Amino acid sequence: MQMREVVERAARRSGAAADEADAVIEALLHELSDAIAAGQVVSLGDFGTFAGQTFRPGPALAQAPAAPPSGLEGYDEGTAPRDS
């Protein structure tokens, strides 16, 4: 679901105008983002609890193979660059 659909649904459900719902949702997301980035634990009832210092991927991400970064051909992680 895209943000636009979230805003439209929230506006219908709450009876608010779409621009009002958009402003409230944007403010909420900014507050949540700031709190999580500051390391605070954010608890949203049954929706979930979020902490800025931890990341536990769900099953879909945990099982996804990690793609190697591109453009690093010849790079050896065990070799540190030397100062001239």
PDB file of N, CA and C in Angstrom:
ATOM      1  N   MET A   1       0.849  -1.167   0.000  1.00  0.00           N
ATOM      2  CA  MET A   1       0.000   0.000   0.000  1.00  0.00           C
ATOM      3  C   MET A   1       0.899   1.236   0.000  1.00  0.00           C
ATOM      4  N   GLN A   2       0.609   2.157  -0.854  1.00  0.00           N
ATOM      5  CA  GLN A   2       1.367   3.397  -0.967  1.00  0.00           C
ATOM      6  C   GLN A   2       0.820   4.438   0.005  1.00  0.00           C
ATOM      7  N   MET A   3       1.641   5.440   0.300  1.00  0.00           N
ATOM      8  CA  MET A   3       1.259   6.484   1.251  1.00  0.00           C
ATOM      9  C   MET A   3      -0.038   7.172   0.854  1.00  0.00           C
ATOM     10  N   ARG A   4      -0.220   7.407  -0.420  1.00  0.00           N
ATOM     11  CA  ARG A   4      -1.443   8.081  -0.885  1.00  0.00           C
ATOM     12  C   ARG A   4      -2.691   7.292  -0.485  1.00  0.00           C
ATOM     13  N   GLU A   5      -2.631   5.970  -0.622  1.00  0.00           N
ATOM     14  CA  GLU A   5      -3.761   5.128  -0.251  1.00  0.00           C
ATOM     15  C   GLU A   5      -3.978   5.141   1.263  1.00  0.00           C
ATOM     16  N   VAL A   6      -2.896   5.152   2.019  1.00  0.00           N
ATOM     17  CA  VAL A   6      -3.012   5.236   3.480  1.00  0.00           C
ATOM     18  C   VAL A   6      -3.731   6.521   3.863  1.00  0.00           C
ATOM     19  N   VAL A   7      -3.333   7.623   3.267  1.00  0.00           N
ATOM     20  CA  VAL A   7      -3.951   8.920   3.563  1.00  0.00           C
ATOM     21  C   VAL A   7      -5.430   8.902   3.191  1.00  0.00           C
ATOM     22  N   GLU A   8      -5.756   8.391   2.009  1.00  0.00           N
ATOM     23  CA  GLU A   8      -7.152   8.353   1.571  1.00  0.00           C
ATOM     24  C   GLU A   8      -8.007   7.503   2.499  1.00  0.00           C
ATOM     25  N   ARG A   9      -7.495   6.348   2.898  1.00  0.00           N
ATOM     26  CA  ARG A   9      -8.239   5.469   3.796  1.00  0.00           C
ATOM     27  C   ARG A   9      -8.424   6.095   5.177  1.00  0.00           C
ATOM     28  N   ALA A  10      -7.349   6.716   5.675  1.00  0.00           N
ATOM     29  CA  ALA A  10      -7.435   7.361   6.988  1.00  0.00           C
ATOM     30  C   ALA A  10      -8.432   8.517   6.954  1.00  0.00           C
ATOM     31  N   ALA A  11      -8.446   9.262   5.863  1.00  0.00           N
ATOM     32  CA  ALA A  11      -9.388  10.375   5.728  1.00  0.00           C
ATOM     33  C   ALA A  11     -10.824   9.862   5.721  1.00  0.00           C
ATOM     34  N   ARG A  12     -11.079   8.796   4.953  1.00  0.00           N
ATOM     35  CA  ARG A  12     -12.435   8.225   4.927  1.00  0.00           C
ATOM     36  C   ARG A  12     -12.846   7.705   6.293  1.00  0.00           C
ATOM     37  N   ARG A  13     -11.951   6.988   6.932  1.00  0.00           N
ATOM     38  CA  ARG A  13     -12.270   6.366   8.224  1.00  0.00           C
ATOM     39  C   ARG A  13     -12.526   7.411   9.299  1.00  0.00           C
ATOM     40  N   SER A  14     -11.735   8.485   9.281  1.00  0.00           N
ATOM     41  CA  SER A  14     -11.855   9.499  10.334  1.00  0.00           C
ATOM     42  C   SER A  14     -12.856  10.596  10.015  1.00  0.00           C
ATOM     43  N   GLY A  15     -13.233  10.719   8.751  1.00  0.00           N
ATOM     44  CA  GLY A  15     -14.130  11.799   8.355  1.00  0.00           C
ATOM     45  C   GLY A  15     -13.392  13.115   8.149  1.00  0.00           C
ATOM     46  N   ALA A  16     -12.080  13.081   8.175  1.00  0.00           N
ATOM     47  CA  ALA A  16     -11.282  14.286   7.965  1.00  0.00           C
ATOM     48  C   ALA A  16     -11.051  14.501   6.481  1.00  0.00           C
ATOM     49  N   ALA A  17     -10.673  15.709   6.131  1.00  0.00           N
ATOM     50  CA  ALA A  17     -10.301  16.002   4.748  1.00  0.00           C
ATOM     51  C   ALA A  17      -8.966  15.322   4.465  1.00  0.00           C
ATOM     52  N   ALA A  18      -8.742  14.973   3.203  1.00  0.00           N
ATOM     53  CA  ALA A  18      -7.513  14.265   2.824  1.00  0.00           C
ATOM     54  C   ALA A  18      -6.268  15.071   3.171  1.00  0.00           C
ATOM     55  N   ASP A  19      -6.293  16.393   2.973  1.00  0.00           N
ATOM     56  CA  ASP A  19      -5.108  17.197   3.291  1.00  0.00           C
ATOM     57  C   ASP A  19      -4.848  17.242   4.793  1.00  0.00           C
ATOM     58  N   GLU A  20      -5.914  17.219   5.596  1.00  0.00           N
ATOM     59  CA  GLU A  20      -5.742  17.171   7.055  1.00  0.00           C
ATOM     60  C   GLU A  20      -5.166  15.826   7.488  1.00  0.00           C
ATOM     61  N   ALA A  21      -5.704  14.752   6.922  1.00  0.00           N
ATOM     62  CA  ALA A  21      -5.201  13.417   7.245  1.00  0.00           C
ATOM     63  C   ALA A  21      -3.738  13.294   6.837  1.00  0.00           C
ATOM     64  N   ASP A  22      -3.398  13.834   5.681  1.00  0.00           N
ATOM     65  CA  ASP A  22      -2.023  13.790   5.206  1.00  0.00           C
ATOM     66  C   ASP A  22      -1.090  14.515   6.174  1.00  0.00           C
ATOM     67  N   ALA A  23      -1.495  15.700   6.626  1.00  0.00           N
ATOM     68  CA  ALA A  23      -0.655  16.476   7.546  1.00  0.00           C
ATOM     69  C   ALA A  23      -0.457  15.733   8.864  1.00  0.00           C
ATOM     70  N   VAL A  24      -1.512  15.125   9.381  1.00  0.00           N
ATOM     71  CA  VAL A  24      -1.415  14.406  10.652  1.00  0.00           C
ATOM     72  C   VAL A  24      -0.524  13.164  10.491  1.00  0.00           C
ATOM     73  N   ILE A  25      -0.721  12.420   9.412  1.00  0.00           N
ATOM     74  CA  ILE A  25       0.084  11.208   9.192  1.00  0.00           C
ATOM     75  C   ILE A  25       1.549  11.567   8.999  1.00  0.00           C
ATOM     76  N   GLU A  26       1.838  12.605   8.224  1.00  0.00           N
ATOM     77  CA  GLU A  26       3.223  13.043   8.022  1.00  0.00           C
ATOM     78  C   GLU A  26       3.852  13.450   9.351  1.00  0.00           C
ATOM     79  N   ALA A  27       3.122  14.201  10.175  1.00  0.00           N
ATOM     80  CA  ALA A  27       3.647  14.621  11.478  1.00  0.00           C
ATOM     81  C   ALA A  27       3.902  13.405  12.363  1.00  0.00           C
ATOM     82  N   LEU A  28       2.989  12.454  12.353  1.00  0.00           N
ATOM     83  CA  LEU A  28       3.158  11.240  13.144  1.00  0.00           C
ATOM     84  C   LEU A  28       4.402  10.481  12.709  1.00  0.00           C
ATOM     85  N   LEU A  29       4.578  10.297  11.413  1.00  0.00           N
ATOM     86  CA  LEU A  29       5.741   9.568  10.916  1.00  0.00           C
ATOM     87  C   LEU A  29       7.050  10.271  11.257  1.00  0.00           C
ATOM     88  N   HIS A  30       7.062  11.594  11.183  1.00  0.00           N
ATOM     89  CA  HIS A  30       8.270  12.335  11.555  1.00  0.00           C
ATOM     90  C   HIS A  30       8.578  12.166  13.041  1.00  0.00           C
ATOM     91  N   GLU A  31       7.559  12.240  13.885  1.00  0.00           N
ATOM     92  CA  GLU A  31       7.770  12.069  15.323  1.00  0.00           C
ATOM     93  C   GLU A  31       8.274  10.664  15.638  1.00  0.00           C
ATOM     94  N   LEU A  32       7.676   9.659  15.005  1.00  0.00           N
ATOM     95  CA  LEU A  32       8.120   8.282  15.225  1.00  0.00           C
ATOM     96  C   LEU A  32       9.550   8.095  14.756  1.00  0.00           C
ATOM     97  N   SER A  33       9.866   8.609  13.597  1.00  0.00           N
ATOM     98  CA  SER A  33      11.205   8.493  13.034  1.00  0.00           C
ATOM     99  C   SER A  33      12.237   9.165  13.937  1.00  0.00           C
ATOM    100  N   ASP A  34      11.929  10.366  14.412  1.00  0.00           N
ATOM    101  CA  ASP A  34      12.849  11.085  15.289  1.00  0.00           C
ATOM    102  C   ASP A  34      13.071  10.327  16.595  1.00  0.00           C
ATOM    103  N   ALA A  35      11.994   9.805  17.172  1.00  0.00           N
ATOM    104  CA  ALA A  35      12.103   9.077  18.437  1.00  0.00           C
ATOM    105  C   ALA A  35      12.934   7.805  18.267  1.00  0.00           C
ATOM    106  N   ILE A  36      12.675   7.061  17.207  1.00  0.00           N
ATOM    107  CA  ILE A  36      13.412   5.814  16.963  1.00  0.00           C
ATOM    108  C   ILE A  36      14.879   6.118  16.683  1.00  0.00           C
ATOM    109  N   ALA A  37      15.148   7.163  15.899  1.00  0.00           N
ATOM    110  CA  ALA A  37      16.531   7.541  15.592  1.00  0.00           C
ATOM    111  C   ALA A  37      17.282   7.971  16.853  1.00  0.00           C
ATOM    112  N   ALA A  38      16.540   8.521  17.826  1.00  0.00           N
ATOM    113  CA  ALA A  38      17.158   8.955  19.080  1.00  0.00           C
ATOM    114  C   ALA A  38      17.345   7.794  20.053  1.00  0.00           C
ATOM    115  N   GLY A  39      16.955   6.590  19.637  1.00  0.00           N
ATOM    116  CA  GLY A  39      17.146   5.422  20.484  1.00  0.00           C
ATOM    117  C   GLY A  39      16.004   5.149  21.438  1.00  0.00           C
ATOM    118  N   GLN A  40      14.928   5.895  21.326  1.00  0.00           N
ATOM    119  CA  GLN A  40      13.769   5.662  22.186  1.00  0.00           C
ATOM    120  C   GLN A  40      12.999   4.443  21.708  1.00  0.00           C
ATOM    121  N   VAL A  41      12.316   3.797  22.629  1.00  0.00           N
ATOM    122  CA  VAL A  41      11.443   2.685  22.281  1.00  0.00           C
ATOM    123  C   VAL A  41      10.059   3.270  22.034  1.00  0.00           C
ATOM    124  N   VAL A  42       9.484   2.950  20.892  1.00  0.00           N
ATOM    125  CA  VAL A  42       8.160   3.437  20.522  1.00  0.00           C
ATOM    126  C   VAL A  42       7.215   2.250  20.521  1.00  0.00           C
ATOM    127  N   SER A  43       6.202   2.302  21.359  1.00  0.00           N
ATOM    128  CA  SER A  43       5.231   1.224  21.450  1.00  0.00           C
ATOM    129  C   SER A  43       3.893   1.710  20.897  1.00  0.00           C
ATOM    130  N   LEU A  44       3.405   1.024  19.885  1.00  0.00           N
ATOM    131  CA  LEU A  44       2.154   1.405  19.230  1.00  0.00           C
ATOM    132  C   LEU A  44       1.087   0.333  19.447  1.00  0.00           C
ATOM    133  N   GLY A  45       0.908  -0.068  20.676  1.00  0.00           N
ATOM    134  CA  GLY A  45      -0.114  -1.048  21.022  1.00  0.00           C
ATOM    135  C   GLY A  45       0.069  -2.350  20.269  1.00  0.00           C
ATOM    136  N   ASP A  46      -1.021  -2.854  19.692  1.00  0.00           N
ATOM    137  CA  ASP A  46      -0.982  -4.124  18.975  1.00  0.00           C
ATOM    138  C   ASP A  46      -0.209  -4.050  17.655  1.00  0.00           C
ATOM    139  N   PHE A  47       0.070  -2.836  17.182  1.00  0.00           N
ATOM    140  CA  PHE A  47       0.795  -2.684  15.918  1.00  0.00           C
ATOM    141  C   PHE A  47       2.244  -3.121  16.056  1.00  0.00           C
ATOM    142  N   GLY A  48       2.854  -2.821  17.197  1.00  0.00           N
ATOM    143  CA  GLY A  48       4.230  -3.255  17.419  1.00  0.00           C
ATOM    144  C   GLY A  48       5.029  -2.274  18.244  1.00  0.00           C
ATOM    145  N   THR A  49       6.212  -2.713  18.628  1.00  0.00           N
ATOM    146  CA  THR A  49       7.142  -1.897  19.395  1.00  0.00           C
ATOM    147  C   THR A  49       8.417  -1.772  18.587  1.00  0.00           C
ATOM    148  N   PHE A  50       8.939  -0.562  18.502  1.00  0.00           N
ATOM    149  CA  PHE A  50      10.096  -0.266  17.681  1.00  0.00           C
ATOM    150  C   PHE A  50      11.179   0.371  18.524  1.00  0.00           C
ATOM    151  N   ALA A  51      12.413  -0.041  18.319  1.00  0.00           N
ATOM    152  CA  ALA A  51      13.550   0.528  19.039  1.00  0.00           C
ATOM    153  C   ALA A  51      14.624   0.896  18.038  1.00  0.00           C
ATOM    154  N   GLY A  52      15.232   2.056  18.236  1.00  0.00           N
ATOM    155  CA  GLY A  52      16.218   2.558  17.288  1.00  0.00           C
ATOM    156  C   GLY A  52      17.543   1.831  17.303  1.00  0.00           C
ATOM    157  N   GLN A  53      17.862   1.127  18.350  1.00  0.00           N
ATOM    158  CA  GLN A  53      19.159   0.491  18.448  1.00  0.00           C
ATOM    159  C   GLN A  53      19.133  -0.972  18.032  1.00  0.00           C
ATOM    160  N   THR A  54      17.965  -1.482  17.679  1.00  0.00           N
ATOM    161  CA  THR A  54      17.875  -2.889  17.307  1.00  0.00           C
ATOM    162  C   THR A  54      17.145  -3.026  15.985  1.00  0.00           C
ATOM    163  N   PHE A  55      17.496  -4.064  15.252  1.00  0.00           N
ATOM    164  CA  PHE A  55      16.782  -4.401  14.020  1.00  0.00           C
ATOM    165  C   PHE A  55      16.699  -5.910  13.958  1.00  0.00           C
ATOM    166  N   ARG A  56      15.506  -6.390  13.943  1.00  0.00           N
ATOM    167  CA  ARG A  56      15.286  -7.826  13.796  1.00  0.00           C
ATOM    168  C   ARG A  56      14.442  -8.021  12.546  1.00  0.00           C
ATOM    169  N   PRO A  57      15.049  -8.528  11.476  1.00  0.00           N
ATOM    170  CA  PRO A  57      14.297  -8.678  10.236  1.00  0.00           C
ATOM    171  C   PRO A  57      13.220  -9.737  10.366  1.00  0.00           C
ATOM    172  N   GLY A  58      12.133  -9.525   9.651  1.00  0.00           N
ATOM    173  CA  GLY A  58      11.084 -10.522   9.589  1.00  0.00           C
ATOM    174  C   GLY A  58      11.536 -11.699   8.750  1.00  0.00           C
ATOM    175  N   PRO A  59      10.718 -12.738   8.675  1.00  0.00           N
ATOM    176  CA  PRO A  59      11.106 -13.942   7.950  1.00  0.00           C
ATOM    177  C   PRO A  59      11.499 -13.685   6.497  1.00  0.00           C
ATOM    178  N   ALA A  60      10.816 -12.786   5.823  1.00  0.00           N
ATOM    179  CA  ALA A  60      11.126 -12.542   4.410  1.00  0.00           C
ATOM    180  C   ALA A  60      12.522 -11.956   4.244  1.00  0.00           C
ATOM    181  N   LEU A  61      12.907 -11.019   5.094  1.00  0.00           N
ATOM    182  CA  LEU A  61      14.243 -10.431   4.999  1.00  0.00           C
ATOM    183  C   LEU A  61      15.306 -11.359   5.542  1.00  0.00           C
ATOM    184  N   ALA A  62      14.997 -12.071   6.589  1.00  0.00           N
ATOM    185  CA  ALA A  62      15.988 -12.948   7.202  1.00  0.00           C
ATOM    186  C   ALA A  62      16.421 -14.045   6.245  1.00  0.00           C
ATOM    187  N   GLN A  63      15.542 -14.457   5.346  1.00  0.00           N
ATOM    188  CA  GLN A  63      15.845 -15.543   4.432  1.00  0.00           C
ATOM    189  C   GLN A  63      16.349 -15.059   3.077  1.00  0.00           C
ATOM    190  N   ALA A  64      16.283 -13.761   2.846  1.00  0.00           N
ATOM    191  CA  ALA A  64      16.719 -13.234   1.550  1.00  0.00           C
ATOM    192  C   ALA A  64      18.235 -13.303   1.444  1.00  0.00           C
ATOM    193  N   PRO A  65      18.757 -13.831   0.347  1.00  0.00           N
ATOM    194  CA  PRO A  65      20.214 -13.884   0.194  1.00  0.00           C
ATOM    195  C   PRO A  65      20.771 -12.474   0.016  1.00  0.00           C
ATOM    196  N   ALA A  66      21.883 -12.222   0.633  1.00  0.00           N
ATOM    197  CA  ALA A  66      22.524 -10.919   0.512  1.00  0.00           C
ATOM    198  C   ALA A  66      23.285 -10.859  -0.802  1.00  0.00           C
ATOM    199  N   ALA A  67      22.999  -9.858  -1.584  1.00  0.00           N
ATOM    200  CA  ALA A  67      23.695  -9.677  -2.855  1.00  0.00           C
ATOM    201  C   ALA A  67      25.015  -8.972  -2.581  1.00  0.00           C
ATOM    202  N   PRO A  68      26.098  -9.444  -3.166  1.00  0.00           N
ATOM    203  CA  PRO A  68      27.381  -8.775  -2.940  1.00  0.00           C
ATOM    204  C   PRO A  68      27.367  -7.383  -3.560  1.00  0.00           C
ATOM    205  N   PRO A  69      28.024  -6.417  -2.926  1.00  0.00           N
ATOM    206  CA  PRO A  69      28.059  -5.076  -3.502  1.00  0.00           C
ATOM    207  C   PRO A  69      28.797  -5.079  -4.832  1.00  0.00           C
ATOM    208  N   SER A  70      28.354  -4.236  -5.742  1.00  0.00           N
ATOM    209  CA  SER A  70      29.013  -4.172  -7.049  1.00  0.00           C
ATOM    210  C   SER A  70      30.153  -3.158  -7.011  1.00  0.00           C
ATOM    211  N   GLY A  71      31.062  -3.284  -7.930  1.00  0.00           N
ATOM    212  CA  GLY A  71      32.154  -2.339  -8.051  1.00  0.00           C
ATOM    213  C   GLY A  71      33.310  -2.591  -7.092  1.00  0.00           C
ATOM    214  N   LEU A  72      33.348  -3.751  -6.467  1.00  0.00           N
ATOM    215  CA  LEU A  72      34.413  -4.036  -5.519  1.00  0.00           C
ATOM    216  C   LEU A  72      35.307  -5.184  -5.988  1.00  0.00           C
ATOM    217  N   GLU A  73      35.384  -5.387  -7.290  1.00  0.00           N
ATOM    218  CA  GLU A  73      36.213  -6.453  -7.815  1.00  0.00           C
ATOM    219  C   GLU A  73      37.660  -6.244  -7.378  1.00  0.00           C
ATOM    220  N   GLY A  74      38.272  -7.284  -6.882  1.00  0.00           N
ATOM    221  CA  GLY A  74      39.662  -7.199  -6.464  1.00  0.00           C
ATOM    222  C   GLY A  74      39.855  -6.720  -5.040  1.00  0.00           C
ATOM    223  N   TYR A  75      38.790  -6.304  -4.386  1.00  0.00           N
ATOM    224  CA  TYR A  75      38.887  -5.846  -3.003  1.00  0.00           C
ATOM    225  C   TYR A  75      39.070  -7.041  -2.083  1.00  0.00           C
ATOM    226  N   ASP A  76      40.047  -6.955  -1.182  1.00  0.00           N
ATOM    227  CA  ASP A  76      40.296  -8.006  -0.211  1.00  0.00           C
ATOM    228  C   ASP A  76      40.058  -7.417   1.171  1.00  0.00           C
ATOM    229  N   GLU A  77      39.026  -7.889   1.849  1.00  0.00           N
ATOM    230  CA  GLU A  77      38.652  -7.346   3.145  1.00  0.00           C
ATOM    231  C   GLU A  77      39.766  -7.511   4.175  1.00  0.00           C
ATOM    232  N   GLY A  78      40.608  -8.475   3.997  1.00  0.00           N
ATOM    233  CA  GLY A  78      41.671  -8.725   4.966  1.00  0.00           C
ATOM    234  C   GLY A  78      42.912  -7.881   4.762  1.00  0.00           C
ATOM    235  N   THR A  79      42.930  -7.050   3.739  1.00  0.00           N
ATOM    236  CA  THR A  79      44.108  -6.243   3.453  1.00  0.00           C
ATOM    237  C   THR A  79      43.791  -4.782   3.698  1.00  0.00           C
ATOM    238  N   ALA A  80      44.509  -4.184   4.629  1.00  0.00           N
ATOM    239  CA  ALA A  80      44.304  -2.761   4.924  1.00  0.00           C
ATOM    240  C   ALA A  80      45.162  -1.926   3.986  1.00  0.00           C
ATOM    241  N   PRO A  81      44.666  -0.782   3.558  1.00  0.00           N
ATOM    242  CA  PRO A  81      45.478   0.087   2.707  1.00  0.00           C
ATOM    243  C   PRO A  81      46.667   0.639   3.493  1.00  0.00           C
ATOM    244  N   ARG A  82      47.765   0.858   2.816  1.00  0.00           N
ATOM    245  CA  ARG A  82      48.969   1.379   3.489  1.00  0.00           C
ATOM    246  C   ARG A  82      49.076   2.875   3.250  1.00  0.00           C
ATOM    247  N   ASP A  83      49.550   3.565   4.282  1.00  0.00           N
ATOM    248  CA  ASP A  83      49.829   4.999   4.138  1.00  0.00           C
ATOM    249  C   ASP A  83      51.128   5.182   3.378  1.00  0.00           C
ATOM    250  N   SER A  84      51.205   6.173   2.514  1.00  0.00           N
ATOM    251  CA  SER A  84      52.433   6.411   1.747  1.00  0.00           C
ATOM    252  C   SER A  84      53.445   7.174   2.558  1.00  0.00           C
TER     253      SER A  84
END
